[in-house]
Amino acid sequence: MFFPIPDFKGFDFFPHNTRLPFMRLKGICFTLSLVFMALSLALFFTRGLNYGVDFIGGSLIEVQHKNGPADLADIRSKLSSLGLGDVQIQSFGNDTDVLIRVEQQPGGEAEQQAAMKKVIDTLGADYTQRRIEVVGPAVSSELRRTGMIAVLCSILAIIVYVWFRFEWQFAAGAVVALAHDVLVTVGVFSLLQLEFDLSIVAALLTILGYSVNDTVVVSDRIRENLRKFKRMELDELLNISINETLSRTILTGMTAIAGILALLIFGGEVIRNFSFAMLFGILIGTYSSMFIAAPLLGYLGLKRETVGTAPKAKDAAPAAIAPASAAGAAAARPAPAKKAVSPRR
């Protein structure tokens, strides 16, 4: 006995003839993006980032109170009398978990280990150690330098790829969109003073890859339509291209956001900042691919002549094969028509 297989047809979330006026909003979007980028730079140079132990060195100790919620004020009063310099104490996840950061101690690794032992002994038996991280000053400066190099090299590689894949106008639009995504994400971390460590650098690299993927999809449709519609206004053509890829862009973003929301909600405090950076980066990357990279082509002087022409289909019938000899040519030549002879009377 065979079970009937239902004939399920796909559901279109967005109609294929969508014509949203994206290009009418390009002026507003450019202005807002420039303001956000300027504010992000101002926050970065004035307020700075809340660098983690990976970038500034020092010790990080995660402890858990055995009997109910932890008393942060009591912990702060106990540790402030140890003379360890800047000691940051914050709640971490549950109200029983506490994260303690101790700045880099003068005297090298031995002094850092001694400072950690003082902290643990002062807390006593009421707290359980869950995690300890120690990063020296040389390692932290090296990690900061290599993190910046990784982000810059990825942007450079993306520029080269888009330049060879498309024309220079597309590469310039992609660069502006990527710089926008990175700057605004860093500005949000500076504004909220979220911890900025190596996991956030990994999130930035992932954001760059996701953003350029969206940009390449939209750019490929723009180039295809430039070859197809020879007399259409450029703004109208860009608007049609963005609308034609809108369904793919939104559905891909929603799929990625669904997975990242699960990490943000259920992943715990350790990867919360990473999940937040990924979530915000996907949103801002989707925005930049539609409202920055594509509309910017109109200001960069993109012309149809620079993208070439589409290959034309050969509608004519194939030519007859030429005979190999003169005899064959004579045989292939049609015989002359005979004149009709009228009968004599």
C-alpha atoms as a PDB file:
ATOM      1  CA  MET A   1       0.000   0.000   0.000  1.00  0.00           C
ATOM      2  CA  PHE A   2       1.408   3.346  -1.058  1.00  0.00           C
ATOM      3  CA  PHE A   3       0.946   6.486   0.980  1.00  0.00           C
ATOM      4  CA  PRO A   4      -0.192   9.498  -1.026  1.00  0.00           C
ATOM      5  CA  ILE A   5       2.419  12.204  -1.313  1.00  0.00           C
ATOM      6  CA  PRO A   6       0.887  15.674  -0.924  1.00  0.00           C
ATOM      7  CA  ASP A   7       1.461  18.072  -3.775  1.00  0.00           C
ATOM      8  CA  PHE A   8       2.908  20.998  -1.837  1.00  0.00           C
ATOM      9  CA  LYS A   9       3.576  24.186  -3.712  1.00  0.00           C
ATOM     10  CA  GLY A  10       6.028  26.731  -2.448  1.00  0.00           C
ATOM     11  CA  PHE A  11       4.734  29.849  -0.781  1.00  0.00           C
ATOM     12  CA  ASP A  12       5.945  33.241  -1.968  1.00  0.00           C
ATOM     13  CA  PHE A  13       6.544  35.565   0.964  1.00  0.00           C
ATOM     14  CA  PHE A  14       7.082  38.450  -1.455  1.00  0.00           C
ATOM     15  CA  PRO A  15       5.291  38.818  -4.791  1.00  0.00           C
ATOM     16  CA  HIS A  16       7.537  38.666  -7.856  1.00  0.00           C
ATOM     17  CA  ASN A  17       6.231  42.000  -9.129  1.00  0.00           C
ATOM     18  CA  THR A  18       7.137  43.973  -5.987  1.00  0.00           C
ATOM     19  CA  ARG A  19       8.055  47.570  -6.777  1.00  0.00           C
ATOM     20  CA  LEU A  20       9.031  49.251  -3.508  1.00  0.00           C
ATOM     21  CA  PRO A  21      10.520  52.735  -4.040  1.00  0.00           C
ATOM     22  CA  PHE A  22      13.999  52.143  -2.612  1.00  0.00           C
ATOM     23  CA  MET A  23      15.668  54.803  -4.737  1.00  0.00           C
ATOM     24  CA  ARG A  24      13.371  57.515  -3.418  1.00  0.00           C
ATOM     25  CA  LEU A  25      14.886  56.938   0.030  1.00  0.00           C
ATOM     26  CA  LYS A  26      18.540  56.977  -1.040  1.00  0.00           C
ATOM     27  CA  GLY A  27      19.124  60.591   0.006  1.00  0.00           C
ATOM     28  CA  ILE A  28      17.680  60.023   3.484  1.00  0.00           C
ATOM     29  CA  CYS A  29      19.554  56.739   3.893  1.00  0.00           C
ATOM     30  CA  PHE A  30      22.883  58.241   2.800  1.00  0.00           C
ATOM     31  CA  THR A  31      22.451  61.103   5.254  1.00  0.00           C
ATOM     32  CA  LEU A  32      21.564  58.803   8.150  1.00  0.00           C
ATOM     33  CA  SER A  33      24.462  56.478   7.357  1.00  0.00           C
ATOM     34  CA  LEU A  34      26.953  59.346   7.249  1.00  0.00           C
ATOM     35  CA  VAL A  35      25.641  60.620  10.594  1.00  0.00           C
ATOM     36  CA  PHE A  36      25.902  57.152  12.171  1.00  0.00           C
ATOM     37  CA  MET A  37      29.438  56.666  10.840  1.00  0.00           C
ATOM     38  CA  ALA A  38      30.522  60.071  12.164  1.00  0.00           C
ATOM     39  CA  LEU A  39      28.968  59.363  15.565  1.00  0.00           C
ATOM     40  CA  SER A  40      30.653  55.968  15.682  1.00  0.00           C
ATOM     41  CA  LEU A  41      34.048  57.504  14.986  1.00  0.00           C
ATOM     42  CA  ALA A  42      33.431  60.171  17.626  1.00  0.00           C
ATOM     43  CA  LEU A  43      32.449  57.540  20.202  1.00  0.00           C
ATOM     44  CA  PHE A  44      35.485  55.426  19.356  1.00  0.00           C
ATOM     45  CA  PHE A  45      37.964  58.287  19.819  1.00  0.00           C
ATOM     46  CA  THR A  46      36.276  59.868  22.860  1.00  0.00           C
ATOM     47  CA  ARG A  47      34.683  57.059  24.844  1.00  0.00           C
ATOM     48  CA  GLY A  48      36.711  54.169  23.468  1.00  0.00           C
ATOM     49  CA  LEU A  49      35.962  50.471  23.647  1.00  0.00           C
ATOM     50  CA  ASN A  50      35.582  48.262  26.679  1.00  0.00           C
ATOM     51  CA  TYR A  51      38.448  45.955  25.736  1.00  0.00           C
ATOM     52  CA  GLY A  52      38.477  42.483  27.217  1.00  0.00           C
ATOM     53  CA  VAL A  53      41.376  40.689  28.815  1.00  0.00           C
ATOM     54  CA  ASP A  54      42.454  39.503  25.348  1.00  0.00           C
ATOM     55  CA  PHE A  55      43.403  43.072  24.354  1.00  0.00           C
ATOM     56  CA  ILE A  56      44.480  44.810  27.573  1.00  0.00           C
ATOM     57  CA  GLY A  57      46.010  41.956  29.526  1.00  0.00           C
ATOM     58  CA  GLY A  58      45.301  41.002  33.122  1.00  0.00           C
ATOM     59  CA  SER A  59      43.219  38.333  34.792  1.00  0.00           C
ATOM     60  CA  LEU A  60      39.599  37.316  34.508  1.00  0.00           C
ATOM     61  CA  ILE A  61      38.002  35.196  37.228  1.00  0.00           C
ATOM     62  CA  GLU A  62      34.463  33.831  37.091  1.00  0.00           C
ATOM     63  CA  VAL A  63      33.065  32.636  40.411  1.00  0.00           C
ATOM     64  CA  GLN A  64      29.713  31.369  41.627  1.00  0.00           C
ATOM     65  CA  HIS A  65      28.176  31.899  45.062  1.00  0.00           C
ATOM     66  CA  LYS A  66      27.139  28.659  46.722  1.00  0.00           C
ATOM     67  CA  ASN A  67      24.299  30.032  48.845  1.00  0.00           C
ATOM     68  CA  GLY A  68      21.928  32.267  46.923  1.00  0.00           C
ATOM     69  CA  PRO A  69      22.597  35.541  45.084  1.00  0.00           C
ATOM     70  CA  ALA A  70      26.061  37.081  45.256  1.00  0.00           C
ATOM     71  CA  ASP A  71      26.554  40.383  47.099  1.00  0.00           C
ATOM     72  CA  LEU A  72      28.462  42.599  44.656  1.00  0.00           C
ATOM     73  CA  ALA A  73      28.884  45.426  47.155  1.00  0.00           C
ATOM     74  CA  ASP A  74      30.456  43.082  49.699  1.00  0.00           C
ATOM     75  CA  ILE A  75      32.828  41.639  47.083  1.00  0.00           C
ATOM     76  CA  ARG A  76      33.827  45.127  45.944  1.00  0.00           C
ATOM     77  CA  SER A  77      34.571  46.303  49.479  1.00  0.00           C
ATOM     78  CA  LYS A  78      36.728  43.216  50.161  1.00  0.00           C
ATOM     79  CA  LEU A  79      38.758  43.398  46.962  1.00  0.00           C
ATOM     80  CA  SER A  80      39.294  47.155  46.971  1.00  0.00           C
ATOM     81  CA  SER A  81      41.437  46.838  50.108  1.00  0.00           C
ATOM     82  CA  LEU A  82      43.914  44.436  48.431  1.00  0.00           C
ATOM     83  CA  GLY A  83      45.728  47.176  46.501  1.00  0.00           C
ATOM     84  CA  LEU A  84      45.477  45.461  43.119  1.00  0.00           C
ATOM     85  CA  GLY A  85      44.638  48.588  41.124  1.00  0.00           C
ATOM     86  CA  ASP A  86      41.531  48.647  38.922  1.00  0.00           C
ATOM     87  CA  VAL A  87      39.280  45.701  39.825  1.00  0.00           C
ATOM     88  CA  GLN A  88      36.008  45.445  37.890  1.00  0.00           C
ATOM     89  CA  ILE A  89      33.157  43.402  39.348  1.00  0.00           C
ATOM     90  CA  GLN A  90      29.940  42.648  37.522  1.00  0.00           C
ATOM     91  CA  SER A  91      27.072  40.203  37.558  1.00  0.00           C
ATOM     92  CA  PHE A  92      27.452  37.499  34.963  1.00  0.00           C
ATOM     93  CA  GLY A  93      24.413  35.587  33.742  1.00  0.00           C
ATOM     94  CA  ASN A  94      22.581  34.399  36.866  1.00  0.00           C
ATOM     95  CA  ASP A  95      22.498  36.391  40.083  1.00  0.00           C
ATOM     96  CA  THR A  96      24.827  33.805  41.664  1.00  0.00           C
ATOM     97  CA  ASP A  97      27.596  34.312  39.063  1.00  0.00           C
ATOM     98  CA  VAL A  98      30.179  37.081  39.322  1.00  0.00           C
ATOM     99  CA  LEU A  99      32.871  38.151  36.835  1.00  0.00           C
ATOM    100  CA  ILE A 100      35.993  39.753  38.303  1.00  0.00           C
ATOM    101  CA  ARG A 101      38.642  41.494  36.194  1.00  0.00           C
ATOM    102  CA  VAL A 102      41.993  42.409  37.637  1.00  0.00           C
ATOM    103  CA  GLU A 103      44.252  44.758  35.694  1.00  0.00           C
ATOM    104  CA  GLN A 104      47.755  43.814  34.592  1.00  0.00           C
ATOM    105  CA  GLN A 105      50.065  43.811  37.616  1.00  0.00           C
ATOM    106  CA  PRO A 106      53.604  45.231  37.451  1.00  0.00           C
ATOM    107  CA  GLY A 107      56.235  42.573  37.920  1.00  0.00           C
ATOM    108  CA  GLY A 108      55.257  40.023  35.317  1.00  0.00           C
ATOM    109  CA  GLU A 109      53.387  36.761  35.412  1.00  0.00           C
ATOM    110  CA  ALA A 110      54.416  35.896  38.975  1.00  0.00           C
ATOM    111  CA  GLU A 111      52.758  39.035  40.350  1.00  0.00           C
ATOM    112  CA  GLN A 112      49.646  38.336  38.273  1.00  0.00           C
ATOM    113  CA  GLN A 113      49.346  34.832  39.706  1.00  0.00           C
ATOM    114  CA  ALA A 114      49.828  36.222  43.211  1.00  0.00           C
ATOM    115  CA  ALA A 115      47.036  38.755  42.623  1.00  0.00           C
ATOM    116  CA  MET A 116      44.666  35.999  41.519  1.00  0.00           C
ATOM    117  CA  LYS A 117      45.483  33.978  44.623  1.00  0.00           C
ATOM    118  CA  LYS A 118      44.713  37.003  46.805  1.00  0.00           C
ATOM    119  CA  VAL A 119      41.319  37.413  45.157  1.00  0.00           C
ATOM    120  CA  ILE A 120      40.399  33.736  45.564  1.00  0.00           C
ATOM    121  CA  ASP A 121      41.560  33.607  49.190  1.00  0.00           C
ATOM    122  CA  THR A 122      39.635  36.799  50.018  1.00  0.00           C
ATOM    123  CA  LEU A 123      36.389  35.431  48.604  1.00  0.00           C
ATOM    124  CA  GLY A 124      36.718  32.346  50.788  1.00  0.00           C
ATOM    125  CA  ALA A 125      34.877  29.059  50.646  1.00  0.00           C
ATOM    126  CA  ASP A 126      31.510  30.655  49.835  1.00  0.00           C
ATOM    127  CA  TYR A 127      32.483  30.977  46.160  1.00  0.00           C
ATOM    128  CA  THR A 128      33.386  28.333  43.584  1.00  0.00           C
ATOM    129  CA  GLN A 129      35.846  29.020  40.759  1.00  0.00           C
ATOM    130  CA  ARG A 130      34.379  28.424  37.331  1.00  0.00           C
ATOM    131  CA  ARG A 131      36.845  30.039  34.927  1.00  0.00           C
ATOM    132  CA  ILE A 132      40.241  31.748  35.089  1.00  0.00           C
ATOM    133  CA  GLU A 133      41.982  33.539  32.201  1.00  0.00           C
ATOM    134  CA  VAL A 134      45.369  35.249  32.301  1.00  0.00           C
ATOM    135  CA  VAL A 135      46.798  37.268  29.396  1.00  0.00           C
ATOM    136  CA  GLY A 136      50.156  39.032  29.559  1.00  0.00           C
ATOM    137  CA  PRO A 137      50.836  42.520  28.150  1.00  0.00           C
ATOM    138  CA  ALA A 138      52.911  41.267  25.207  1.00  0.00           C
ATOM    139  CA  VAL A 139      50.259  38.737  24.193  1.00  0.00           C
ATOM    140  CA  SER A 140      47.417  41.256  24.532  1.00  0.00           C
ATOM    141  CA  SER A 141      49.143  43.849  22.317  1.00  0.00           C
ATOM    142  CA  GLU A 142      49.935  41.156  19.757  1.00  0.00           C
ATOM    143  CA  LEU A 143      46.316  39.965  19.755  1.00  0.00           C
ATOM    144  CA  ARG A 144      45.058  43.515  19.250  1.00  0.00           C
ATOM    145  CA  ARG A 145      47.443  44.078  16.352  1.00  0.00           C
ATOM    146  CA  THR A 146      46.656  40.794  14.618  1.00  0.00           C
ATOM    147  CA  GLY A 147      42.923  41.366  15.092  1.00  0.00           C
ATOM    148  CA  MET A 148      43.119  44.710  13.291  1.00  0.00           C
ATOM    149  CA  ILE A 149      45.265  43.181  10.540  1.00  0.00           C
ATOM    150  CA  ALA A 150      42.724  40.373  10.063  1.00  0.00           C
ATOM    151  CA  VAL A 151      39.843  42.830   9.572  1.00  0.00           C
ATOM    152  CA  LEU A 152      41.828  45.065   7.173  1.00  0.00           C
ATOM    153  CA  CYS A 153      43.113  42.105   5.124  1.00  0.00           C
ATOM    154  CA  SER A 154      39.611  40.699   4.778  1.00  0.00           C
ATOM    155  CA  ILE A 155      38.317  44.044   3.518  1.00  0.00           C
ATOM    156  CA  LEU A 156      41.229  44.265   1.042  1.00  0.00           C
ATOM    157  CA  ALA A 157      40.574  40.739  -0.237  1.00  0.00           C
ATOM    158  CA  ILE A 158      36.879  41.539  -0.704  1.00  0.00           C
ATOM    159  CA  ILE A 159      37.794  44.700  -2.649  1.00  0.00           C
ATOM    160  CA  VAL A 160      40.048  42.735  -5.002  1.00  0.00           C
ATOM    161  CA  TYR A 161      37.413  40.036  -5.544  1.00  0.00           C
ATOM    162  CA  VAL A 162      34.567  42.453  -6.291  1.00  0.00           C
ATOM    163  CA  TRP A 163      36.816  44.541  -8.550  1.00  0.00           C
ATOM    164  CA  PHE A 164      37.730  41.520 -10.688  1.00  0.00           C
ATOM    165  CA  ARG A 165      34.217  40.062 -10.517  1.00  0.00           C
ATOM    166  CA  PHE A 166      32.486  43.311 -11.501  1.00  0.00           C
ATOM    167  CA  GLU A 167      33.567  46.846 -12.397  1.00  0.00           C
ATOM    168  CA  TRP A 168      35.348  49.337 -10.151  1.00  0.00           C
ATOM    169  CA  GLN A 169      32.089  51.140  -9.347  1.00  0.00           C
ATOM    170  CA  PHE A 170      30.706  47.969  -7.767  1.00  0.00           C
ATOM    171  CA  ALA A 171      33.935  47.522  -5.771  1.00  0.00           C
ATOM    172  CA  ALA A 172      33.766  51.101  -4.486  1.00  0.00           C
ATOM    173  CA  GLY A 173      30.142  50.637  -3.418  1.00  0.00           C
ATOM    174  CA  ALA A 174      31.029  47.397  -1.628  1.00  0.00           C
ATOM    175  CA  VAL A 175      33.921  49.089   0.217  1.00  0.00           C
ATOM    176  CA  VAL A 176      31.697  51.911   1.458  1.00  0.00           C
ATOM    177  CA  ALA A 177      29.046  49.416   2.585  1.00  0.00           C
ATOM    178  CA  LEU A 178      31.602  47.250   4.432  1.00  0.00           C
ATOM    179  CA  ALA A 179      33.206  50.250   6.132  1.00  0.00           C
ATOM    180  CA  HIS A 180      29.739  51.391   7.166  1.00  0.00           C
ATOM    181  CA  ASP A 181      28.914  47.987   8.684  1.00  0.00           C
ATOM    182  CA  VAL A 182      32.152  47.757  10.685  1.00  0.00           C
ATOM    183  CA  LEU A 183      32.094  51.367  11.916  1.00  0.00           C
ATOM    184  CA  VAL A 184      28.466  51.306  13.046  1.00  0.00           C
ATOM    185  CA  THR A 185      28.909  47.968  14.829  1.00  0.00           C
ATOM    186  CA  VAL A 186      32.006  49.251  16.645  1.00  0.00           C
ATOM    187  CA  GLY A 187      30.112  52.443  17.498  1.00  0.00           C
ATOM    188  CA  VAL A 188      27.293  50.459  19.117  1.00  0.00           C
ATOM    189  CA  PHE A 189      29.828  48.532  21.228  1.00  0.00           C
ATOM    190  CA  SER A 190      31.437  51.809  22.271  1.00  0.00           C
ATOM    191  CA  LEU A 191      28.067  53.363  23.125  1.00  0.00           C
ATOM    192  CA  LEU A 192      26.863  50.402  25.201  1.00  0.00           C
ATOM    193  CA  GLN A 193      30.358  49.660  26.583  1.00  0.00           C
ATOM    194  CA  LEU A 194      30.017  45.979  25.783  1.00  0.00           C
ATOM    195  CA  GLU A 195      33.144  43.883  26.160  1.00  0.00           C
ATOM    196  CA  PHE A 196      35.227  43.881  22.980  1.00  0.00           C
ATOM    197  CA  ASP A 197      37.451  40.811  22.706  1.00  0.00           C
ATOM    198  CA  LEU A 198      38.634  38.302  20.102  1.00  0.00           C
ATOM    199  CA  SER A 199      35.162  36.814  19.698  1.00  0.00           C
ATOM    200  CA  ILE A 200      33.890  40.216  18.527  1.00  0.00           C
ATOM    201  CA  VAL A 201      36.703  40.362  15.948  1.00  0.00           C
ATOM    202  CA  ALA A 202      35.504  36.973  14.683  1.00  0.00           C
ATOM    203  CA  ALA A 203      31.954  38.378  14.555  1.00  0.00           C
ATOM    204  CA  LEU A 204      33.157  41.377  12.508  1.00  0.00           C
ATOM    205  CA  LEU A 205      34.850  39.070  10.000  1.00  0.00           C
ATOM    206  CA  THR A 206      31.656  37.036   9.701  1.00  0.00           C
ATOM    207  CA  ILE A 207      29.638  40.223   9.217  1.00  0.00           C
ATOM    208  CA  LEU A 208      31.959  41.279   6.374  1.00  0.00           C
ATOM    209  CA  GLY A 209      31.456  37.958   4.620  1.00  0.00           C
ATOM    210  CA  TYR A 210      27.682  38.076   5.007  1.00  0.00           C
ATOM    211  CA  SER A 211      27.433  41.679   3.852  1.00  0.00           C
ATOM    212  CA  VAL A 212      29.549  41.152   0.728  1.00  0.00           C
ATOM    213  CA  ASN A 213      27.493  38.073  -0.138  1.00  0.00           C
ATOM    214  CA  ASP A 214      24.320  40.189  -0.171  1.00  0.00           C
ATOM    215  CA  THR A 215      26.095  42.920  -2.120  1.00  0.00           C
ATOM    216  CA  VAL A 216      27.351  40.489  -4.785  1.00  0.00           C
ATOM    217  CA  VAL A 217      23.851  39.049  -5.311  1.00  0.00           C
ATOM    218  CA  VAL A 218      22.332  42.505  -5.827  1.00  0.00           C
ATOM    219  CA  SER A 219      25.256  43.635  -8.016  1.00  0.00           C
ATOM    220  CA  ASP A 220      24.964  40.590 -10.247  1.00  0.00           C
ATOM    221  CA  ARG A 221      21.280  41.323 -10.865  1.00  0.00           C
ATOM    222  CA  ILE A 222      22.086  44.977 -11.598  1.00  0.00           C
ATOM    223  CA  ARG A 223      24.678  44.003 -14.209  1.00  0.00           C
ATOM    224  CA  GLU A 224      22.256  41.534 -15.778  1.00  0.00           C
ATOM    225  CA  ASN A 225      19.543  44.189 -16.040  1.00  0.00           C
ATOM    226  CA  LEU A 226      21.992  46.725 -17.471  1.00  0.00           C
ATOM    227  CA  ARG A 227      22.517  44.356 -20.382  1.00  0.00           C
ATOM    228  CA  LYS A 228      18.822  43.630 -20.726  1.00  0.00           C
ATOM    229  CA  PHE A 229      17.227  47.097 -20.483  1.00  0.00           C
ATOM    230  CA  LYS A 230      19.155  49.442 -22.763  1.00  0.00           C
ATOM    231  CA  ARG A 231      17.013  52.564 -22.471  1.00  0.00           C
ATOM    232  CA  MET A 232      15.759  52.385 -18.895  1.00  0.00           C
ATOM    233  CA  GLU A 233      16.726  55.124 -16.451  1.00  0.00           C
ATOM    234  CA  LEU A 234      19.509  54.018 -14.095  1.00  0.00           C
ATOM    235  CA  ASP A 235      17.571  54.799 -10.908  1.00  0.00           C
ATOM    236  CA  GLU A 236      14.594  52.797 -12.134  1.00  0.00           C
ATOM    237  CA  LEU A 237      16.857  49.919 -13.146  1.00  0.00           C
ATOM    238  CA  LEU A 238      18.555  49.895  -9.726  1.00  0.00           C
ATOM    239  CA  ASN A 239      15.163  49.937  -8.031  1.00  0.00           C
ATOM    240  CA  ILE A 240      13.938  46.979 -10.118  1.00  0.00           C
ATOM    241  CA  SER A 241      17.131  45.021  -9.381  1.00  0.00           C
ATOM    242  CA  ILE A 242      16.806  45.526  -5.618  1.00  0.00           C
ATOM    243  CA  ASN A 243      13.147  44.486  -5.724  1.00  0.00           C
ATOM    244  CA  GLU A 244      13.941  41.371  -7.754  1.00  0.00           C
ATOM    245  CA  THR A 245      16.431  40.190  -5.117  1.00  0.00           C
ATOM    246  CA  LEU A 246      14.365  41.376  -2.149  1.00  0.00           C
ATOM    247  CA  SER A 247      12.789  37.995  -1.412  1.00  0.00           C
ATOM    248  CA  ARG A 248      16.159  36.238  -1.357  1.00  0.00           C
ATOM    249  CA  THR A 249      17.762  38.955   0.775  1.00  0.00           C
ATOM    250  CA  ILE A 250      15.018  39.038   3.424  1.00  0.00           C
ATOM    251  CA  LEU A 251      14.538  35.273   3.667  1.00  0.00           C
ATOM    252  CA  THR A 252      18.285  34.612   3.938  1.00  0.00           C
ATOM    253  CA  GLY A 253      18.562  37.232   6.661  1.00  0.00           C
ATOM    254  CA  MET A 254      15.578  35.827   8.564  1.00  0.00           C
ATOM    255  CA  THR A 255      17.079  32.332   8.455  1.00  0.00           C
ATOM    256  CA  ALA A 256      20.389  33.567   9.858  1.00  0.00           C
ATOM    257  CA  ILE A 257      18.654  35.686  12.494  1.00  0.00           C
ATOM    258  CA  ALA A 258      16.628  32.691  13.694  1.00  0.00           C
ATOM    259  CA  GLY A 259      19.796  30.747  14.495  1.00  0.00           C
ATOM    260  CA  ILE A 260      21.543  33.729  16.095  1.00  0.00           C
ATOM    261  CA  LEU A 261      18.519  34.519  18.281  1.00  0.00           C
ATOM    262  CA  ALA A 262      18.724  30.983  19.650  1.00  0.00           C
ATOM    263  CA  LEU A 263      22.384  31.604  20.540  1.00  0.00           C
ATOM    264  CA  LEU A 264      21.556  34.969  22.071  1.00  0.00           C
ATOM    265  CA  ILE A 265      18.766  33.601  24.262  1.00  0.00           C
ATOM    266  CA  PHE A 266      20.044  30.143  25.179  1.00  0.00           C
ATOM    267  CA  GLY A 267      23.797  30.395  24.581  1.00  0.00           C
ATOM    268  CA  GLY A 268      24.649  31.895  27.938  1.00  0.00           C
ATOM    269  CA  GLU A 269      26.604  34.938  28.984  1.00  0.00           C
ATOM    270  CA  VAL A 270      29.928  33.780  27.530  1.00  0.00           C
ATOM    271  CA  ILE A 271      28.835  34.204  23.881  1.00  0.00           C
ATOM    272  CA  ARG A 272      26.150  36.838  24.426  1.00  0.00           C
ATOM    273  CA  ASN A 273      28.221  39.740  23.113  1.00  0.00           C
ATOM    274  CA  PHE A 274      29.300  37.647  20.119  1.00  0.00           C
ATOM    275  CA  SER A 275      25.664  36.766  19.365  1.00  0.00           C
ATOM    276  CA  PHE A 276      24.623  40.401  19.705  1.00  0.00           C
ATOM    277  CA  ALA A 277      27.379  41.510  17.314  1.00  0.00           C
ATOM    278  CA  MET A 278      26.286  38.900  14.781  1.00  0.00           C
ATOM    279  CA  LEU A 279      22.607  39.853  15.068  1.00  0.00           C
ATOM    280  CA  PHE A 280      23.257  43.559  14.703  1.00  0.00           C
ATOM    281  CA  GLY A 281      25.749  42.954  11.893  1.00  0.00           C
ATOM    282  CA  ILE A 282      23.301  40.931   9.801  1.00  0.00           C
ATOM    283  CA  LEU A 283      20.665  43.643  10.155  1.00  0.00           C
ATOM    284  CA  ILE A 284      23.065  46.448   9.256  1.00  0.00           C
ATOM    285  CA  GLY A 285      24.626  44.376   6.440  1.00  0.00           C
ATOM    286  CA  THR A 286      21.225  43.751   4.855  1.00  0.00           C
ATOM    287  CA  TYR A 287      20.464  47.456   5.084  1.00  0.00           C
ATOM    288  CA  SER A 288      23.775  48.516   3.525  1.00  0.00           C
ATOM    289  CA  SER A 289      23.501  46.126   0.568  1.00  0.00           C
ATOM    290  CA  MET A 290      20.121  47.599  -0.427  1.00  0.00           C
ATOM    291  CA  PHE A 291      20.410  51.260   0.598  1.00  0.00           C
ATOM    292  CA  ILE A 292      24.128  52.031   0.225  1.00  0.00           C
ATOM    293  CA  ALA A 293      26.033  49.734  -2.151  1.00  0.00           C
ATOM    294  CA  ALA A 294      23.407  49.648  -4.912  1.00  0.00           C
ATOM    295  CA  PRO A 295      22.216  53.309  -4.884  1.00  0.00           C
ATOM    296  CA  LEU A 296      25.830  54.498  -4.737  1.00  0.00           C
ATOM    297  CA  LEU A 297      26.375  53.215  -8.284  1.00  0.00           C
ATOM    298  CA  GLY A 298      24.315  56.107  -9.630  1.00  0.00           C
ATOM    299  CA  TYR A 299      26.693  58.624  -8.051  1.00  0.00           C
ATOM    300  CA  LEU A 300      29.808  56.799  -9.280  1.00  0.00           C
ATOM    301  CA  GLY A 301      28.936  57.190 -12.950  1.00  0.00           C
ATOM    302  CA  LEU A 302      28.140  53.589 -13.841  1.00  0.00           C
ATOM    303  CA  LYS A 303      27.479  53.270 -17.580  1.00  0.00           C
ATOM    304  CA  ARG A 304      26.083  50.455 -19.656  1.00  0.00           C
ATOM    305  CA  GLU A 305      29.138  50.435 -21.885  1.00  0.00           C
ATOM    306  CA  THR A 306      31.333  49.299 -18.979  1.00  0.00           C
ATOM    307  CA  VAL A 307      29.419  46.056 -18.386  1.00  0.00           C
ATOM    308  CA  GLY A 308      29.483  44.789 -21.978  1.00  0.00           C
ATOM    309  CA  THR A 309      26.606  43.333 -23.914  1.00  0.00           C
ATOM    310  CA  ALA A 310      24.619  40.171 -23.428  1.00  0.00           C
ATOM    311  CA  PRO A 311      25.354  37.314 -25.828  1.00  0.00           C
ATOM    312  CA  LYS A 312      22.802  37.097 -28.609  1.00  0.00           C
ATOM    313  CA  ALA A 313      21.058  33.841 -29.424  1.00  0.00           C
ATOM    314  CA  LYS A 314      21.609  32.507 -32.943  1.00  0.00           C
ATOM    315  CA  ASP A 315      18.186  32.193 -34.500  1.00  0.00           C
ATOM    316  CA  ALA A 316      19.392  31.530 -38.051  1.00  0.00           C
ATOM    317  CA  ALA A 317      19.389  28.013 -39.390  1.00  0.00           C
ATOM    318  CA  PRO A 318      22.787  26.325 -39.623  1.00  0.00           C
ATOM    319  CA  ALA A 319      24.564  26.699 -42.949  1.00  0.00           C
ATOM    320  CA  ALA A 320      24.684  23.758 -45.331  1.00  0.00           C
ATOM    321  CA  ILE A 321      27.823  21.673 -45.284  1.00  0.00           C
ATOM    322  CA  ALA A 322      30.018  22.385 -48.314  1.00  0.00           C
ATOM    323  CA  PRO A 323      30.823  19.365 -50.504  1.00  0.00           C
ATOM    324  CA  ALA A 324      34.387  18.116 -50.509  1.00  0.00           C
ATOM    325  CA  SER A 325      34.857  17.879 -54.331  1.00  0.00           C
ATOM    326  CA  ALA A 326      33.742  19.460 -57.569  1.00  0.00           C
ATOM    327  CA  ALA A 327      31.772  16.345 -58.423  1.00  0.00           C
ATOM    328  CA  GLY A 328      29.966  16.608 -55.176  1.00  0.00           C
ATOM    329  CA  ALA A 329      29.274  20.267 -55.855  1.00  0.00           C
ATOM    330  CA  ALA A 330      27.815  19.397 -59.244  1.00  0.00           C
ATOM    331  CA  ALA A 331      25.705  16.665 -57.689  1.00  0.00           C
ATOM    332  CA  ALA A 332      24.503  18.978 -54.994  1.00  0.00           C
ATOM    333  CA  ARG A 333      23.564  21.685 -57.532  1.00  0.00           C
ATOM    334  CA  PRO A 334      19.841  21.525 -58.307  1.00  0.00           C
ATOM    335  CA  ALA A 335      18.960  20.380 -61.814  1.00  0.00           C
ATOM    336  CA  PRO A 336      17.572  23.022 -64.203  1.00  0.00           C
ATOM    337  CA  ALA A 337      13.856  22.967 -64.715  1.00  0.00           C
ATOM    338  CA  LYS A 338      12.657  21.540 -68.067  1.00  0.00           C
ATOM    339  CA  LYS A 339      10.508  23.646 -70.321  1.00  0.00           C
ATOM    340  CA  ALA A 340       7.173  22.231 -71.172  1.00  0.00           C
ATOM    341  CA  VAL A 341       6.919  21.426 -74.952  1.00  0.00           C
ATOM    342  CA  SER A 342       3.600  22.189 -76.511  1.00  0.00           C
ATOM    343  CA  PRO A 343       2.289  19.521 -78.934  1.00  0.00           C
ATOM    344  CA  ARG A 344       2.273  20.249 -82.686  1.00  0.00           C
ATOM    345  CA  ARG A 345      -0.997  20.667 -84.375  1.00  0.00           C
END
